[in-house]
């Protein structure tokens, strides 16, 4: 079995998957802080591909052009205290890649086989450096299938749309909540029905419905479950 595909026996890889606005990014960040672990935001990687493709004028559905962008991607995650920043080269794109248009673009480019092939090993290599939290849509099913524990975070569509709407408003982006709900539905359909690495919960994932839970409640529940697993993994 390839060591790049699995974690070492004394290494902890935690995966958190789920649809957009289910709260997984917030939970992953908070859990990373509590556990003192690095965070691999795989969704941000695909957002960076979409952003970089737009910067060079490549159409998101041009498979060859976008795959070339992914292959040459120079991305860095930098954590300072409680702040997580994403850089493309020397450019801080932490806010830019969260724009609604880039979110839709990320969903489009993530379905391209050449893009996923270019980024898969990049993601797996992160687990060779030590314990890790990975957050995205297929981290527990494709990227780290042998990870433990795995979480799948979900919420009712209306709750997710409201969260996304408030997030966009806080970032100065004016949008109607009905539009946000429509875009979420479109992205859910696209992510769940793509032939390559569709959005779904791994058979051994722990599903958490965050509809009526605060971010602190979600993180606390995950922390307790992780602590039990961590105590069994560490010598």
C-alpha atoms as a PDB file:
ATOM      1  CA  UNK A   1       0.000   0.000   0.000  1.00  0.00           C
ATOM      2  CA  UNK A   2       1.404   3.369  -1.029  1.00  0.00           C
ATOM      3  CA  UNK A   3       2.606   5.552   1.839  1.00  0.00           C
ATOM      4  CA  UNK A   4       1.512   8.594  -0.162  1.00  0.00           C
ATOM      5  CA  UNK A   5      -2.065   7.281  -0.073  1.00  0.00           C
ATOM      6  CA  UNK A   6      -2.234   6.527   3.615  1.00  0.00           C
ATOM      7  CA  UNK A   7      -1.077   7.957   6.901  1.00  0.00           C
ATOM      8  CA  UNK A   8       1.706   6.392   8.897  1.00  0.00           C
ATOM      9  CA  UNK A   9       0.564   4.371  11.887  1.00  0.00           C
ATOM     10  CA  UNK A  10       1.700   7.033  14.347  1.00  0.00           C
ATOM     11  CA  UNK A  11       0.270   9.915  12.328  1.00  0.00           C
ATOM     12  CA  UNK A  12      -3.168  11.482  12.670  1.00  0.00           C
ATOM     13  CA  UNK A  13      -5.059  12.688   9.605  1.00  0.00           C
ATOM     14  CA  UNK A  14      -8.475  14.204  10.276  1.00  0.00           C
ATOM     15  CA  UNK A  15     -10.805  14.906   7.356  1.00  0.00           C
ATOM     16  CA  UNK A  16     -13.792  17.257   7.323  1.00  0.00           C
ATOM     17  CA  UNK A  17     -15.980  17.160   4.217  1.00  0.00           C
ATOM     18  CA  UNK A  18     -19.341  18.625   3.316  1.00  0.00           C
ATOM     19  CA  UNK A  19     -21.203  21.022   1.044  1.00  0.00           C
ATOM     20  CA  UNK A  20     -20.579  24.751   0.857  1.00  0.00           C
ATOM     21  CA  UNK A  21     -21.672  26.804   3.893  1.00  0.00           C
ATOM     22  CA  UNK A  22     -22.172  23.762   6.117  1.00  0.00           C
ATOM     23  CA  UNK A  23     -19.645  25.325   8.479  1.00  0.00           C
ATOM     24  CA  UNK A  24     -16.754  22.977   7.748  1.00  0.00           C
ATOM     25  CA  UNK A  25     -14.160  25.706   7.113  1.00  0.00           C
ATOM     26  CA  UNK A  26     -14.911  27.416  10.426  1.00  0.00           C
ATOM     27  CA  UNK A  27     -14.943  24.093  12.272  1.00  0.00           C
ATOM     28  CA  UNK A  28     -11.673  23.023  10.634  1.00  0.00           C
ATOM     29  CA  UNK A  29      -9.961  26.281  11.562  1.00  0.00           C
ATOM     30  CA  UNK A  30     -11.165  26.162  15.160  1.00  0.00           C
ATOM     31  CA  UNK A  31     -10.233  22.495  15.513  1.00  0.00           C
ATOM     32  CA  UNK A  32      -6.781  23.161  14.062  1.00  0.00           C
ATOM     33  CA  UNK A  33      -6.243  25.885  16.672  1.00  0.00           C
ATOM     34  CA  UNK A  34      -7.441  23.665  19.532  1.00  0.00           C
ATOM     35  CA  UNK A  35      -5.241  20.758  18.484  1.00  0.00           C
ATOM     36  CA  UNK A  36      -2.305  22.836  17.284  1.00  0.00           C
ATOM     37  CA  UNK A  37      -2.326  21.133  13.889  1.00  0.00           C
ATOM     38  CA  UNK A  38      -1.731  22.470  10.370  1.00  0.00           C
ATOM     39  CA  UNK A  39      -4.817  22.873   8.201  1.00  0.00           C
ATOM     40  CA  UNK A  40      -5.057  21.810   4.575  1.00  0.00           C
ATOM     41  CA  UNK A  41      -7.950  23.700   2.968  1.00  0.00           C
ATOM     42  CA  UNK A  42      -8.405  21.708  -0.241  1.00  0.00           C
ATOM     43  CA  UNK A  43     -11.319  23.880  -1.316  1.00  0.00           C
ATOM     44  CA  UNK A  44      -9.016  26.899  -1.281  1.00  0.00           C
ATOM     45  CA  UNK A  45      -6.673  25.067  -3.644  1.00  0.00           C
ATOM     46  CA  UNK A  46      -9.406  24.647  -6.254  1.00  0.00           C
ATOM     47  CA  UNK A  47     -10.503  28.237  -5.683  1.00  0.00           C
ATOM     48  CA  UNK A  48      -6.923  29.285  -6.397  1.00  0.00           C
ATOM     49  CA  UNK A  49      -6.966  27.330  -9.650  1.00  0.00           C
ATOM     50  CA  UNK A  50     -10.152  29.147 -10.683  1.00  0.00           C
ATOM     51  CA  UNK A  51      -8.681  32.493  -9.638  1.00  0.00           C
ATOM     52  CA  UNK A  52      -5.365  31.888 -11.409  1.00  0.00           C
ATOM     53  CA  UNK A  53      -7.151  30.700 -14.558  1.00  0.00           C
ATOM     54  CA  UNK A  54      -9.201  33.878 -14.650  1.00  0.00           C
ATOM     55  CA  UNK A  55      -6.057  35.974 -14.186  1.00  0.00           C
ATOM     56  CA  UNK A  56      -4.495  34.483 -17.325  1.00  0.00           C
ATOM     57  CA  UNK A  57      -7.741  34.551 -19.295  1.00  0.00           C
ATOM     58  CA  UNK A  58      -8.282  30.787 -19.375  1.00  0.00           C
ATOM     59  CA  UNK A  59     -11.881  29.604 -19.677  1.00  0.00           C
ATOM     60  CA  UNK A  60     -12.857  27.458 -16.675  1.00  0.00           C
ATOM     61  CA  UNK A  61     -14.223  24.775 -19.009  1.00  0.00           C
ATOM     62  CA  UNK A  62     -11.055  24.634 -21.121  1.00  0.00           C
ATOM     63  CA  UNK A  63      -9.699  21.415 -19.635  1.00  0.00           C
ATOM     64  CA  UNK A  64      -6.219  21.628 -21.124  1.00  0.00           C
ATOM     65  CA  UNK A  65      -5.655  25.268 -20.182  1.00  0.00           C
ATOM     66  CA  UNK A  66      -6.973  24.907 -16.636  1.00  0.00           C
ATOM     67  CA  UNK A  67      -5.019  21.694 -16.041  1.00  0.00           C
ATOM     68  CA  UNK A  68      -1.869  23.578 -17.074  1.00  0.00           C
ATOM     69  CA  UNK A  69      -2.723  26.295 -14.532  1.00  0.00           C
ATOM     70  CA  UNK A  70      -3.158  23.658 -11.815  1.00  0.00           C
ATOM     71  CA  UNK A  71       0.151  21.992 -12.653  1.00  0.00           C
ATOM     72  CA  UNK A  72       2.014  25.298 -12.282  1.00  0.00           C
ATOM     73  CA  UNK A  73       0.132  26.466  -9.177  1.00  0.00           C
ATOM     74  CA  UNK A  74       2.369  28.116  -6.578  1.00  0.00           C
ATOM     75  CA  UNK A  75       0.219  28.051  -3.449  1.00  0.00           C
ATOM     76  CA  UNK A  76       1.116  28.509   0.199  1.00  0.00           C
ATOM     77  CA  UNK A  77      -0.929  28.302   3.389  1.00  0.00           C
ATOM     78  CA  UNK A  78       0.433  30.517   6.153  1.00  0.00           C
ATOM     79  CA  UNK A  79      -0.946  30.358   9.699  1.00  0.00           C
ATOM     80  CA  UNK A  80      -0.186  33.103  12.203  1.00  0.00           C
ATOM     81  CA  UNK A  81      -1.921  32.611  15.505  1.00  0.00           C
ATOM     82  CA  UNK A  82      -5.623  32.366  14.687  1.00  0.00           C
ATOM     83  CA  UNK A  83      -5.235  33.733  11.168  1.00  0.00           C
ATOM     84  CA  UNK A  84      -5.040  31.489   8.119  1.00  0.00           C
ATOM     85  CA  UNK A  85      -3.893  33.142   4.890  1.00  0.00           C
ATOM     86  CA  UNK A  86      -3.639  31.790   1.335  1.00  0.00           C
ATOM     87  CA  UNK A  87      -0.963  33.007  -1.073  1.00  0.00           C
ATOM     88  CA  UNK A  88      -0.468  32.535  -4.801  1.00  0.00           C
ATOM     89  CA  UNK A  89       3.183  33.325  -5.161  1.00  0.00           C
ATOM     90  CA  UNK A  90       3.606  36.594  -3.246  1.00  0.00           C
ATOM     91  CA  UNK A  91      -0.067  37.593  -3.646  1.00  0.00           C
ATOM     92  CA  UNK A  92      -2.416  37.199  -0.673  1.00  0.00           C
ATOM     93  CA  UNK A  93      -5.648  35.885  -2.223  1.00  0.00           C
ATOM     94  CA  UNK A  94      -7.406  34.924   1.007  1.00  0.00           C
ATOM     95  CA  UNK A  95     -10.377  37.221   0.364  1.00  0.00           C
ATOM     96  CA  UNK A  96     -10.341  37.211  -3.442  1.00  0.00           C
ATOM     97  CA  UNK A  97     -10.900  33.454  -3.717  1.00  0.00           C
ATOM     98  CA  UNK A  98     -14.028  33.691  -1.534  1.00  0.00           C
ATOM     99  CA  UNK A  99     -15.952  35.811  -4.038  1.00  0.00           C
ATOM    100  CA  UNK A 100     -19.145  34.116  -5.349  1.00  0.00           C
ATOM    101  CA  UNK A 101     -17.864  34.007  -8.923  1.00  0.00           C
ATOM    102  CA  UNK A 102     -14.669  32.227  -7.876  1.00  0.00           C
ATOM    103  CA  UNK A 103     -16.699  29.799  -5.760  1.00  0.00           C
ATOM    104  CA  UNK A 104     -18.666  28.784  -8.840  1.00  0.00           C
ATOM    105  CA  UNK A 105     -15.446  28.581 -10.839  1.00  0.00           C
ATOM    106  CA  UNK A 106     -13.883  26.291  -8.247  1.00  0.00           C
ATOM    107  CA  UNK A 107     -16.798  23.890  -8.584  1.00  0.00           C
ATOM    108  CA  UNK A 108     -16.339  23.857 -12.371  1.00  0.00           C
ATOM    109  CA  UNK A 109     -12.565  23.336 -12.450  1.00  0.00           C
ATOM    110  CA  UNK A 110     -12.663  20.701  -9.700  1.00  0.00           C
ATOM    111  CA  UNK A 111     -14.548  18.389 -12.066  1.00  0.00           C
ATOM    112  CA  UNK A 112     -11.686  18.408 -14.589  1.00  0.00           C
ATOM    113  CA  UNK A 113      -9.636  15.165 -14.380  1.00  0.00           C
ATOM    114  CA  UNK A 114      -6.368  16.896 -15.258  1.00  0.00           C
ATOM    115  CA  UNK A 115      -6.840  19.402 -12.453  1.00  0.00           C
ATOM    116  CA  UNK A 116      -7.595  16.742  -9.867  1.00  0.00           C
ATOM    117  CA  UNK A 117      -4.654  14.625 -11.018  1.00  0.00           C
ATOM    118  CA  UNK A 118      -2.298  17.591 -10.747  1.00  0.00           C
ATOM    119  CA  UNK A 119      -3.428  18.432  -7.226  1.00  0.00           C
ATOM    120  CA  UNK A 120      -4.036  15.014  -5.666  1.00  0.00           C
ATOM    121  CA  UNK A 121      -0.415  14.201  -4.862  1.00  0.00           C
ATOM    122  CA  UNK A 122       0.187  17.781  -3.718  1.00  0.00           C
ATOM    123  CA  UNK A 123      -2.525  17.259  -1.105  1.00  0.00           C
ATOM    124  CA  UNK A 124      -1.383  13.788  -0.062  1.00  0.00           C
ATOM    125  CA  UNK A 125       2.200  14.952   0.352  1.00  0.00           C
ATOM    126  CA  UNK A 126       1.065  17.252   3.155  1.00  0.00           C
ATOM    127  CA  UNK A 127       0.283  14.216   5.325  1.00  0.00           C
ATOM    128  CA  UNK A 128       3.882  12.999   5.119  1.00  0.00           C
ATOM    129  CA  UNK A 129       4.967  16.001   7.180  1.00  0.00           C
ATOM    130  CA  UNK A 130       2.993  15.139  10.329  1.00  0.00           C
ATOM    131  CA  UNK A 131      -0.470  15.235  11.856  1.00  0.00           C
ATOM    132  CA  UNK A 132      -2.945  17.134   9.716  1.00  0.00           C
ATOM    133  CA  UNK A 133      -6.517  18.380   9.375  1.00  0.00           C
ATOM    134  CA  UNK A 134      -7.828  18.318   5.794  1.00  0.00           C
ATOM    135  CA  UNK A 135     -11.024  20.107   4.825  1.00  0.00           C
ATOM    136  CA  UNK A 136     -12.901  19.908   1.539  1.00  0.00           C
ATOM    137  CA  UNK A 137     -15.343  17.731  -0.385  1.00  0.00           C
ATOM    138  CA  UNK A 138     -13.488  14.493  -1.042  1.00  0.00           C
ATOM    139  CA  UNK A 139     -10.728  14.427   1.566  1.00  0.00           C
ATOM    140  CA  UNK A 140     -12.216  11.406   3.334  1.00  0.00           C
ATOM    141  CA  UNK A 141     -13.253   9.509   0.198  1.00  0.00           C
ATOM    142  CA  UNK A 142     -10.407  10.157  -2.268  1.00  0.00           C
ATOM    143  CA  UNK A 143      -7.488  12.174  -0.900  1.00  0.00           C
ATOM    144  CA  UNK A 144      -7.074  10.409   2.461  1.00  0.00           C
ATOM    145  CA  UNK A 145      -9.315   7.322   2.325  1.00  0.00           C
ATOM    146  CA  UNK A 146      -7.545   5.738   5.319  1.00  0.00           C
ATOM    147  CA  UNK A 147      -7.831   8.810   7.551  1.00  0.00           C
ATOM    148  CA  UNK A 148      -9.392   8.547  10.979  1.00  0.00           C
ATOM    149  CA  UNK A 149     -11.510  10.157  12.182  1.00  0.00           C
ATOM    150  CA  UNK A 150     -13.514  11.407   9.222  1.00  0.00           C
ATOM    151  CA  UNK A 151     -16.293  13.967   9.553  1.00  0.00           C
ATOM    152  CA  UNK A 152     -19.045  14.928   7.132  1.00  0.00           C
ATOM    153  CA  UNK A 153     -20.601  18.240   8.086  1.00  0.00           C
ATOM    154  CA  UNK A 154     -23.992  19.155   6.666  1.00  0.00           C
ATOM    155  CA  UNK A 155     -26.919  21.525   7.313  1.00  0.00           C
ATOM    156  CA  UNK A 156     -30.317  22.372   5.876  1.00  0.00           C
ATOM    157  CA  UNK A 157     -30.138  24.437   2.637  1.00  0.00           C
ATOM    158  CA  UNK A 158     -31.861  27.472   4.160  1.00  0.00           C
ATOM    159  CA  UNK A 159     -29.427  27.575   7.078  1.00  0.00           C
ATOM    160  CA  UNK A 160     -26.465  27.266   4.741  1.00  0.00           C
ATOM    161  CA  UNK A 161     -27.792  30.023   2.477  1.00  0.00           C
ATOM    162  CA  UNK A 162     -28.261  32.331   5.454  1.00  0.00           C
ATOM    163  CA  UNK A 163     -24.701  31.717   6.644  1.00  0.00           C
ATOM    164  CA  UNK A 164     -23.274  32.295   3.195  1.00  0.00           C
ATOM    165  CA  UNK A 165     -25.373  35.447   2.776  1.00  0.00           C
ATOM    166  CA  UNK A 166     -24.096  36.906   6.064  1.00  0.00           C
ATOM    167  CA  UNK A 167     -20.516  35.997   5.170  1.00  0.00           C
ATOM    168  CA  UNK A 168     -20.783  37.789   1.840  1.00  0.00           C
ATOM    169  CA  UNK A 169     -22.374  40.854   3.447  1.00  0.00           C
ATOM    170  CA  UNK A 170     -19.560  41.001   6.005  1.00  0.00           C
ATOM    171  CA  UNK A 171     -17.088  41.041   3.131  1.00  0.00           C
ATOM    172  CA  UNK A 172     -18.932  43.933   1.482  1.00  0.00           C
ATOM    173  CA  UNK A 173     -20.589  41.844  -1.235  1.00  0.00           C
ATOM    174  CA  UNK A 174     -24.216  42.791  -1.831  1.00  0.00           C
ATOM    175  CA  UNK A 175     -26.402  39.879  -2.882  1.00  0.00           C
ATOM    176  CA  UNK A 176     -29.978  38.654  -2.422  1.00  0.00           C
ATOM    177  CA  UNK A 177     -30.427  35.634  -0.180  1.00  0.00           C
ATOM    178  CA  UNK A 178     -32.635  34.035  -2.843  1.00  0.00           C
ATOM    179  CA  UNK A 179     -29.715  34.233  -5.257  1.00  0.00           C
ATOM    180  CA  UNK A 180     -27.417  32.631  -2.687  1.00  0.00           C
ATOM    181  CA  UNK A 181     -29.890  29.770  -2.185  1.00  0.00           C
ATOM    182  CA  UNK A 182     -30.121  29.209  -5.942  1.00  0.00           C
ATOM    183  CA  UNK A 183     -26.341  29.184  -6.353  1.00  0.00           C
ATOM    184  CA  UNK A 184     -25.954  26.741  -3.461  1.00  0.00           C
ATOM    185  CA  UNK A 185     -28.465  24.373  -5.054  1.00  0.00           C
ATOM    186  CA  UNK A 186     -26.649  24.579  -8.397  1.00  0.00           C
ATOM    187  CA  UNK A 187     -23.285  23.895  -6.794  1.00  0.00           C
ATOM    188  CA  UNK A 188     -24.638  21.032  -4.684  1.00  0.00           C
ATOM    189  CA  UNK A 189     -26.031  19.387  -7.816  1.00  0.00           C
ATOM    190  CA  UNK A 190     -22.799  19.886  -9.750  1.00  0.00           C
ATOM    191  CA  UNK A 191     -20.558  18.669  -6.907  1.00  0.00           C
ATOM    192  CA  UNK A 192     -22.716  15.657  -6.035  1.00  0.00           C
ATOM    193  CA  UNK A 193     -23.318  14.468  -9.595  1.00  0.00           C
ATOM    194  CA  UNK A 194     -19.889  14.828 -11.184  1.00  0.00           C
ATOM    195  CA  UNK A 195     -18.404  11.524 -12.299  1.00  0.00           C
ATOM    196  CA  UNK A 196     -15.026  12.186 -10.686  1.00  0.00           C
ATOM    197  CA  UNK A 197     -14.765  12.374  -6.880  1.00  0.00           C
ATOM    198  CA  UNK A 198     -18.360  13.456  -6.214  1.00  0.00           C
ATOM    199  CA  UNK A 199     -19.376  15.077  -2.941  1.00  0.00           C
ATOM    200  CA  UNK A 200     -20.535  12.345  -0.573  1.00  0.00           C
ATOM    201  CA  UNK A 201     -19.912  11.091   2.923  1.00  0.00           C
ATOM    202  CA  UNK A 202     -17.374   8.310   3.323  1.00  0.00           C
ATOM    203  CA  UNK A 203     -18.949   5.088   4.672  1.00  0.00           C
ATOM    204  CA  UNK A 204     -16.982   5.464   7.905  1.00  0.00           C
ATOM    205  CA  UNK A 205     -17.513   9.221   8.292  1.00  0.00           C
ATOM    206  CA  UNK A 206     -19.194  10.727  11.332  1.00  0.00           C
ATOM    207  CA  UNK A 207     -22.012  12.926  10.029  1.00  0.00           C
ATOM    208  CA  UNK A 208     -22.812  16.092  11.971  1.00  0.00           C
ATOM    209  CA  UNK A 209     -25.850  18.228  11.138  1.00  0.00           C
ATOM    210  CA  UNK A 210     -24.869  21.776  12.074  1.00  0.00           C
ATOM    211  CA  UNK A 211     -28.247  23.376  11.272  1.00  0.00           C
ATOM    212  CA  UNK A 212     -29.008  24.163  14.902  1.00  0.00           C
ATOM    213  CA  UNK A 213     -25.484  24.059  16.286  1.00  0.00           C
ATOM    214  CA  UNK A 214     -23.076  26.910  16.873  1.00  0.00           C
ATOM    215  CA  UNK A 215     -19.536  26.773  15.512  1.00  0.00           C
ATOM    216  CA  UNK A 216     -18.292  26.250  19.074  1.00  0.00           C
ATOM    217  CA  UNK A 217     -20.673  23.315  19.589  1.00  0.00           C
ATOM    218  CA  UNK A 218     -19.547  21.666  16.355  1.00  0.00           C
ATOM    219  CA  UNK A 219     -15.869  22.131  17.176  1.00  0.00           C
ATOM    220  CA  UNK A 220     -16.315  20.835  20.722  1.00  0.00           C
ATOM    221  CA  UNK A 221     -18.059  17.688  19.479  1.00  0.00           C
ATOM    222  CA  UNK A 222     -15.303  17.056  16.947  1.00  0.00           C
ATOM    223  CA  UNK A 223     -12.616  17.731  19.518  1.00  0.00           C
ATOM    224  CA  UNK A 224     -13.998  15.122  21.902  1.00  0.00           C
ATOM    225  CA  UNK A 225     -14.200  12.502  19.168  1.00  0.00           C
ATOM    226  CA  UNK A 226     -10.710  13.317  17.891  1.00  0.00           C
ATOM    227  CA  UNK A 227      -9.236  13.120  21.392  1.00  0.00           C
ATOM    228  CA  UNK A 228     -10.478   9.537  21.726  1.00  0.00           C
ATOM    229  CA  UNK A 229      -8.932   8.518  18.409  1.00  0.00           C
ATOM    230  CA  UNK A 230      -5.705  10.423  19.052  1.00  0.00           C
ATOM    231  CA  UNK A 231      -5.156   8.632  22.347  1.00  0.00           C
ATOM    232  CA  UNK A 232      -5.295   5.278  20.526  1.00  0.00           C
ATOM    233  CA  UNK A 233      -2.958   6.321  17.693  1.00  0.00           C
ATOM    234  CA  UNK A 234      -0.167   7.905  19.702  1.00  0.00           C
ATOM    235  CA  UNK A 235       2.292   5.480  21.305  1.00  0.00           C
END
